[in-house]
């Protein structure tokens, strides 16, 4: 699948422009990296898609942002690490940047629409009304995750949905383990406050 994408005209042109002027050794390394990425595409696609799915809980958006992540990988193939674990970290780091960029653009658009008095539902996929208490709890937790600031959201998803260690998360986000622990602690605190506020609101209405 990736091989077909990488050989298409626009992407091939971008890659050729990016490596223009590089020495033969760099070009050869880029070809090797692309081959490695293609060979592991199915496994890595699942990892990136799962991460983005739990950032947005929107299958279509997760698929779109996953494709964008792999587009970046193919375009800047000479930057890809040749180590399997580091390649996974590189893709998750790129997916984090793609997700955060999307969030910033979406929030700016929401702000502008509010200012203009044109606010309407934006890009979040509506789901059927939950039928069970577990469904309701899941929707509430999803809302709490999505309400987090991007840097906190990323840590929560990498820790609890992608099941990465603190050291691995630090590798993905290019920060220290202590910073990861601090962000996670603050994220959990914010989520608890939000969930407690929702619980108080529900009790007040009953």
C-alpha atoms as a PDB file:
ATOM      1  CA  UNK A   1       0.000   0.000   0.000  1.00  0.00           C
ATOM      2  CA  UNK A   2       2.747   2.441   0.953  1.00  0.00           C
ATOM      3  CA  UNK A   3       4.812   1.445  -2.066  1.00  0.00           C
ATOM      4  CA  UNK A   4       1.950   2.451  -4.327  1.00  0.00           C
ATOM      5  CA  UNK A   5       1.563   5.776  -2.544  1.00  0.00           C
ATOM      6  CA  UNK A   6       5.262   6.492  -2.571  1.00  0.00           C
ATOM      7  CA  UNK A   7       5.530   5.893  -6.317  1.00  0.00           C
ATOM      8  CA  UNK A   8       2.672   8.223  -7.220  1.00  0.00           C
ATOM      9  CA  UNK A   9       3.656  11.351  -9.111  1.00  0.00           C
ATOM     10  CA  UNK A  10       3.122  14.193  -6.565  1.00  0.00           C
ATOM     11  CA  UNK A  11       4.833  12.355  -3.716  1.00  0.00           C
ATOM     12  CA  UNK A  12       7.666  11.159  -5.913  1.00  0.00           C
ATOM     13  CA  UNK A  13       8.245  14.704  -7.134  1.00  0.00           C
ATOM     14  CA  UNK A  14       8.321  16.032  -3.566  1.00  0.00           C
ATOM     15  CA  UNK A  15      10.786  13.358  -2.513  1.00  0.00           C
ATOM     16  CA  UNK A  16      13.043  14.031  -5.496  1.00  0.00           C
ATOM     17  CA  UNK A  17      13.040  17.756  -4.753  1.00  0.00           C
ATOM     18  CA  UNK A  18      13.822  17.093  -1.097  1.00  0.00           C
ATOM     19  CA  UNK A  19      16.851  14.898  -1.806  1.00  0.00           C
ATOM     20  CA  UNK A  20      18.121  16.982  -4.743  1.00  0.00           C
ATOM     21  CA  UNK A  21      21.752  17.854  -4.329  1.00  0.00           C
ATOM     22  CA  UNK A  22      22.366  15.138  -1.731  1.00  0.00           C
ATOM     23  CA  UNK A  23      25.263  12.748  -2.124  1.00  0.00           C
ATOM     24  CA  UNK A  24      24.697   9.179  -3.369  1.00  0.00           C
ATOM     25  CA  UNK A  25      25.138   7.786   0.145  1.00  0.00           C
ATOM     26  CA  UNK A  26      22.267   9.933   1.505  1.00  0.00           C
ATOM     27  CA  UNK A  27      20.080   8.984  -1.437  1.00  0.00           C
ATOM     28  CA  UNK A  28      20.820   5.296  -0.914  1.00  0.00           C
ATOM     29  CA  UNK A  29      19.994   5.617   2.781  1.00  0.00           C
ATOM     30  CA  UNK A  30      16.677   7.252   1.891  1.00  0.00           C
ATOM     31  CA  UNK A  31      15.804   4.375  -0.415  1.00  0.00           C
ATOM     32  CA  UNK A  32      16.675   1.869   2.308  1.00  0.00           C
ATOM     33  CA  UNK A  33      14.542   3.751   4.837  1.00  0.00           C
ATOM     34  CA  UNK A  34      11.605   3.839   2.443  1.00  0.00           C
ATOM     35  CA  UNK A  35      11.900   0.097   1.859  1.00  0.00           C
ATOM     36  CA  UNK A  36      11.942  -0.523   5.615  1.00  0.00           C
ATOM     37  CA  UNK A  37       8.905   1.703   6.085  1.00  0.00           C
ATOM     38  CA  UNK A  38       7.047  -0.119   3.320  1.00  0.00           C
ATOM     39  CA  UNK A  39       7.905  -3.524   4.792  1.00  0.00           C
ATOM     40  CA  UNK A  40       6.514  -2.541   8.204  1.00  0.00           C
ATOM     41  CA  UNK A  41       3.670  -0.392   6.952  1.00  0.00           C
ATOM     42  CA  UNK A  42       0.757  -2.524   8.179  1.00  0.00           C
ATOM     43  CA  UNK A  43       2.092  -2.791  11.742  1.00  0.00           C
ATOM     44  CA  UNK A  44       3.069   0.861  11.986  1.00  0.00           C
ATOM     45  CA  UNK A  45      -0.187   2.027  10.424  1.00  0.00           C
ATOM     46  CA  UNK A  46      -2.109   0.267  13.207  1.00  0.00           C
ATOM     47  CA  UNK A  47       0.063   1.938  15.878  1.00  0.00           C
ATOM     48  CA  UNK A  48      -0.369   5.440  14.440  1.00  0.00           C
ATOM     49  CA  UNK A  49      -4.072   5.011  13.670  1.00  0.00           C
ATOM     50  CA  UNK A  50      -4.820   3.695  17.169  1.00  0.00           C
ATOM     51  CA  UNK A  51      -3.037   6.660  18.702  1.00  0.00           C
ATOM     52  CA  UNK A  52      -4.896   9.213  16.570  1.00  0.00           C
ATOM     53  CA  UNK A  53      -8.210   7.423  17.019  1.00  0.00           C
ATOM     54  CA  UNK A  54      -7.896   7.880  20.769  1.00  0.00           C
ATOM     55  CA  UNK A  55      -6.899  11.514  20.352  1.00  0.00           C
ATOM     56  CA  UNK A  56     -10.086  12.343  18.423  1.00  0.00           C
ATOM     57  CA  UNK A  57     -12.476   9.356  18.677  1.00  0.00           C
ATOM     58  CA  UNK A  58     -13.333   9.951  15.028  1.00  0.00           C
ATOM     59  CA  UNK A  59     -12.466   7.136  12.614  1.00  0.00           C
ATOM     60  CA  UNK A  60     -12.497   9.241   9.443  1.00  0.00           C
ATOM     61  CA  UNK A  61     -10.367  11.991  10.953  1.00  0.00           C
ATOM     62  CA  UNK A  62      -7.935   9.456  12.436  1.00  0.00           C
ATOM     63  CA  UNK A  63      -7.548   7.825   9.019  1.00  0.00           C
ATOM     64  CA  UNK A  64      -6.953  11.189   7.360  1.00  0.00           C
ATOM     65  CA  UNK A  65      -4.323  12.252   9.901  1.00  0.00           C
ATOM     66  CA  UNK A  66      -2.666   8.824   9.739  1.00  0.00           C
ATOM     67  CA  UNK A  67      -2.328   9.205   5.981  1.00  0.00           C
ATOM     68  CA  UNK A  68      -0.868  12.673   6.507  1.00  0.00           C
ATOM     69  CA  UNK A  69       1.664  11.233   8.968  1.00  0.00           C
ATOM     70  CA  UNK A  70       2.865   8.638   6.480  1.00  0.00           C
ATOM     71  CA  UNK A  71       2.950  11.255   3.746  1.00  0.00           C
ATOM     72  CA  UNK A  72       5.421  13.214   5.866  1.00  0.00           C
ATOM     73  CA  UNK A  73       7.436  10.029   6.409  1.00  0.00           C
ATOM     74  CA  UNK A  74       7.662   9.348   2.673  1.00  0.00           C
ATOM     75  CA  UNK A  75       8.423  12.961   1.846  1.00  0.00           C
ATOM     76  CA  UNK A  76      11.220  13.279   4.401  1.00  0.00           C
ATOM     77  CA  UNK A  77      12.384   9.692   4.083  1.00  0.00           C
ATOM     78  CA  UNK A  78      16.072  10.606   4.516  1.00  0.00           C
ATOM     79  CA  UNK A  79      15.250  11.680   8.107  1.00  0.00           C
ATOM     80  CA  UNK A  80      13.765   8.336   9.128  1.00  0.00           C
ATOM     81  CA  UNK A  81      15.725   6.357  11.730  1.00  0.00           C
ATOM     82  CA  UNK A  82      16.810   2.898  10.659  1.00  0.00           C
ATOM     83  CA  UNK A  83      16.075   1.389  14.079  1.00  0.00           C
ATOM     84  CA  UNK A  84      12.602  -0.196  14.421  1.00  0.00           C
ATOM     85  CA  UNK A  85      11.801   1.348  17.810  1.00  0.00           C
ATOM     86  CA  UNK A  86      13.095   4.767  16.843  1.00  0.00           C
ATOM     87  CA  UNK A  87      11.050   4.619  13.642  1.00  0.00           C
ATOM     88  CA  UNK A  88       7.921   3.967  15.715  1.00  0.00           C
ATOM     89  CA  UNK A  89       8.826   6.918  17.955  1.00  0.00           C
ATOM     90  CA  UNK A  90       9.434   9.131  14.905  1.00  0.00           C
ATOM     91  CA  UNK A  91       6.025   8.309  13.441  1.00  0.00           C
ATOM     92  CA  UNK A  92       4.217   8.876  16.743  1.00  0.00           C
ATOM     93  CA  UNK A  93       6.060  12.181  17.195  1.00  0.00           C
ATOM     94  CA  UNK A  94       5.015  13.227  13.689  1.00  0.00           C
ATOM     95  CA  UNK A  95       1.442  12.089  14.364  1.00  0.00           C
ATOM     96  CA  UNK A  96       1.471  14.188  17.548  1.00  0.00           C
ATOM     97  CA  UNK A  97       2.533  17.262  15.580  1.00  0.00           C
ATOM     98  CA  UNK A  98      -0.115  16.576  12.923  1.00  0.00           C
ATOM     99  CA  UNK A  99      -2.798  16.140  15.600  1.00  0.00           C
ATOM    100  CA  UNK A 100      -1.780  19.285  17.479  1.00  0.00           C
ATOM    101  CA  UNK A 101      -1.771  21.328  14.275  1.00  0.00           C
ATOM    102  CA  UNK A 102      -5.269  20.087  13.490  1.00  0.00           C
ATOM    103  CA  UNK A 103      -6.458  20.987  16.991  1.00  0.00           C
ATOM    104  CA  UNK A 104      -5.012  24.492  16.784  1.00  0.00           C
ATOM    105  CA  UNK A 105      -6.614  25.147  13.411  1.00  0.00           C
ATOM    106  CA  UNK A 106      -9.950  23.770  14.565  1.00  0.00           C
ATOM    107  CA  UNK A 107      -9.946  25.857  17.739  1.00  0.00           C
ATOM    108  CA  UNK A 108      -8.986  29.007  15.851  1.00  0.00           C
ATOM    109  CA  UNK A 109     -11.840  28.368  13.433  1.00  0.00           C
ATOM    110  CA  UNK A 110     -14.273  27.819  16.307  1.00  0.00           C
ATOM    111  CA  UNK A 111     -13.137  31.063  17.928  1.00  0.00           C
ATOM    112  CA  UNK A 112     -13.568  33.031  14.686  1.00  0.00           C
ATOM    113  CA  UNK A 113     -17.026  31.579  14.088  1.00  0.00           C
ATOM    114  CA  UNK A 114     -18.067  32.435  17.642  1.00  0.00           C
ATOM    115  CA  UNK A 115     -16.861  35.996  17.189  1.00  0.00           C
ATOM    116  CA  UNK A 116     -18.803  36.307  13.961  1.00  0.00           C
ATOM    117  CA  UNK A 117     -21.915  34.740  15.440  1.00  0.00           C
ATOM    118  CA  UNK A 118     -21.758  31.787  13.070  1.00  0.00           C
ATOM    119  CA  UNK A 119     -20.925  29.073  15.584  1.00  0.00           C
ATOM    120  CA  UNK A 120     -22.009  25.631  14.505  1.00  0.00           C
ATOM    121  CA  UNK A 121     -20.973  22.025  15.050  1.00  0.00           C
ATOM    122  CA  UNK A 122     -17.497  21.404  13.660  1.00  0.00           C
ATOM    123  CA  UNK A 123     -15.936  18.177  12.433  1.00  0.00           C
ATOM    124  CA  UNK A 124     -16.763  15.960  15.376  1.00  0.00           C
ATOM    125  CA  UNK A 125     -18.638  12.889  14.371  1.00  0.00           C
ATOM    126  CA  UNK A 126     -21.897  12.500  16.250  1.00  0.00           C
ATOM    127  CA  UNK A 127     -22.668   9.104  17.674  1.00  0.00           C
ATOM    128  CA  UNK A 128     -25.972   7.523  18.518  1.00  0.00           C
ATOM    129  CA  UNK A 129     -27.203   8.193  22.034  1.00  0.00           C
ATOM    130  CA  UNK A 130     -25.648   5.757  24.521  1.00  0.00           C
ATOM    131  CA  UNK A 131     -27.990   3.088  25.784  1.00  0.00           C
ATOM    132  CA  UNK A 132     -26.110   1.800  28.798  1.00  0.00           C
ATOM    133  CA  UNK A 133     -24.393   3.311  31.802  1.00  0.00           C
ATOM    134  CA  UNK A 134     -21.020   2.051  30.501  1.00  0.00           C
ATOM    135  CA  UNK A 135     -21.635   3.802  27.179  1.00  0.00           C
ATOM    136  CA  UNK A 136     -22.430   7.033  28.988  1.00  0.00           C
ATOM    137  CA  UNK A 137     -19.292   6.747  31.106  1.00  0.00           C
ATOM    138  CA  UNK A 138     -17.174   6.146  27.983  1.00  0.00           C
ATOM    139  CA  UNK A 139     -18.589   9.235  26.277  1.00  0.00           C
ATOM    140  CA  UNK A 140     -17.864  11.331  29.377  1.00  0.00           C
ATOM    141  CA  UNK A 141     -14.275  10.053  29.574  1.00  0.00           C
ATOM    142  CA  UNK A 142     -13.770  10.750  25.875  1.00  0.00           C
ATOM    143  CA  UNK A 143     -15.000  14.285  26.411  1.00  0.00           C
ATOM    144  CA  UNK A 144     -12.584  14.746  29.312  1.00  0.00           C
ATOM    145  CA  UNK A 145      -9.659  13.537  27.167  1.00  0.00           C
ATOM    146  CA  UNK A 146     -10.608  15.788  24.264  1.00  0.00           C
ATOM    147  CA  UNK A 147     -10.945  18.805  26.558  1.00  0.00           C
ATOM    148  CA  UNK A 148      -7.295  18.521  27.610  1.00  0.00           C
ATOM    149  CA  UNK A 149      -4.618  20.764  26.170  1.00  0.00           C
ATOM    150  CA  UNK A 150      -2.765  19.016  23.313  1.00  0.00           C
ATOM    151  CA  UNK A 151       0.437  18.336  25.274  1.00  0.00           C
ATOM    152  CA  UNK A 152      -1.547  16.711  28.088  1.00  0.00           C
ATOM    153  CA  UNK A 153      -3.840  14.877  25.699  1.00  0.00           C
ATOM    154  CA  UNK A 154      -0.850  13.320  23.935  1.00  0.00           C
ATOM    155  CA  UNK A 155       0.639  11.995  27.183  1.00  0.00           C
ATOM    156  CA  UNK A 156      -2.664  10.485  28.366  1.00  0.00           C
ATOM    157  CA  UNK A 157      -3.274   8.693  25.074  1.00  0.00           C
ATOM    158  CA  UNK A 158       0.301   7.417  24.746  1.00  0.00           C
ATOM    159  CA  UNK A 159       0.239   6.132  28.331  1.00  0.00           C
ATOM    160  CA  UNK A 160      -3.233   4.618  28.627  1.00  0.00           C
ATOM    161  CA  UNK A 161      -4.272   3.786  25.059  1.00  0.00           C
ATOM    162  CA  UNK A 162      -0.964   3.057  23.319  1.00  0.00           C
ATOM    163  CA  UNK A 163       0.419   1.560  26.585  1.00  0.00           C
ATOM    164  CA  UNK A 164       3.869   3.131  26.408  1.00  0.00           C
ATOM    165  CA  UNK A 165       6.303   3.449  29.308  1.00  0.00           C
ATOM    166  CA  UNK A 166       7.375   6.844  30.614  1.00  0.00           C
ATOM    167  CA  UNK A 167      10.757   6.359  28.937  1.00  0.00           C
ATOM    168  CA  UNK A 168       9.106   5.565  25.602  1.00  0.00           C
ATOM    169  CA  UNK A 169       6.793   8.577  25.841  1.00  0.00           C
ATOM    170  CA  UNK A 170       9.795  10.771  26.604  1.00  0.00           C
ATOM    171  CA  UNK A 171      11.426   9.376  23.469  1.00  0.00           C
ATOM    172  CA  UNK A 172       8.380  10.181  21.363  1.00  0.00           C
ATOM    173  CA  UNK A 173       7.904  13.693  22.719  1.00  0.00           C
ATOM    174  CA  UNK A 174      11.607  14.570  22.997  1.00  0.00           C
ATOM    175  CA  UNK A 175      11.416  15.488  26.656  1.00  0.00           C
ATOM    176  CA  UNK A 176      12.576  14.123  30.006  1.00  0.00           C
ATOM    177  CA  UNK A 177      10.749  11.366  31.865  1.00  0.00           C
ATOM    178  CA  UNK A 178      10.093  13.773  34.744  1.00  0.00           C
ATOM    179  CA  UNK A 179       8.335  16.112  32.302  1.00  0.00           C
ATOM    180  CA  UNK A 180       6.167  13.217  31.104  1.00  0.00           C
ATOM    181  CA  UNK A 181       5.217  12.331  34.678  1.00  0.00           C
ATOM    182  CA  UNK A 182       4.414  15.962  35.467  1.00  0.00           C
ATOM    183  CA  UNK A 183       2.235  16.368  32.384  1.00  0.00           C
ATOM    184  CA  UNK A 184       0.402  13.125  33.112  1.00  0.00           C
ATOM    185  CA  UNK A 185      -0.220  14.141  36.730  1.00  0.00           C
ATOM    186  CA  UNK A 186      -1.617  17.504  35.644  1.00  0.00           C
ATOM    187  CA  UNK A 187      -3.705  15.908  32.914  1.00  0.00           C
ATOM    188  CA  UNK A 188      -5.263  13.446  35.367  1.00  0.00           C
ATOM    189  CA  UNK A 189      -5.974  16.281  37.789  1.00  0.00           C
ATOM    190  CA  UNK A 190      -7.708  18.311  35.059  1.00  0.00           C
ATOM    191  CA  UNK A 191      -9.750  15.290  33.983  1.00  0.00           C
ATOM    192  CA  UNK A 192     -10.798  14.569  37.573  1.00  0.00           C
ATOM    193  CA  UNK A 193     -11.876  18.178  38.045  1.00  0.00           C
ATOM    194  CA  UNK A 194     -13.913  18.047  34.855  1.00  0.00           C
ATOM    195  CA  UNK A 195     -15.513  14.731  35.761  1.00  0.00           C
ATOM    196  CA  UNK A 196     -16.291  15.948  39.297  1.00  0.00           C
ATOM    197  CA  UNK A 197     -17.857  19.106  37.869  1.00  0.00           C
ATOM    198  CA  UNK A 198     -20.022  17.034  35.525  1.00  0.00           C
ATOM    199  CA  UNK A 199     -21.013  14.770  38.412  1.00  0.00           C
ATOM    200  CA  UNK A 200     -22.020  17.760  40.537  1.00  0.00           C
ATOM    201  CA  UNK A 201     -24.026  19.175  37.641  1.00  0.00           C
ATOM    202  CA  UNK A 202     -25.867  15.888  37.142  1.00  0.00           C
ATOM    203  CA  UNK A 203     -26.734  15.691  40.855  1.00  0.00           C
ATOM    204  CA  UNK A 204     -27.998  19.259  40.790  1.00  0.00           C
ATOM    205  CA  UNK A 205     -30.348  18.463  37.929  1.00  0.00           C
ATOM    206  CA  UNK A 206     -31.724  15.298  39.520  1.00  0.00           C
END
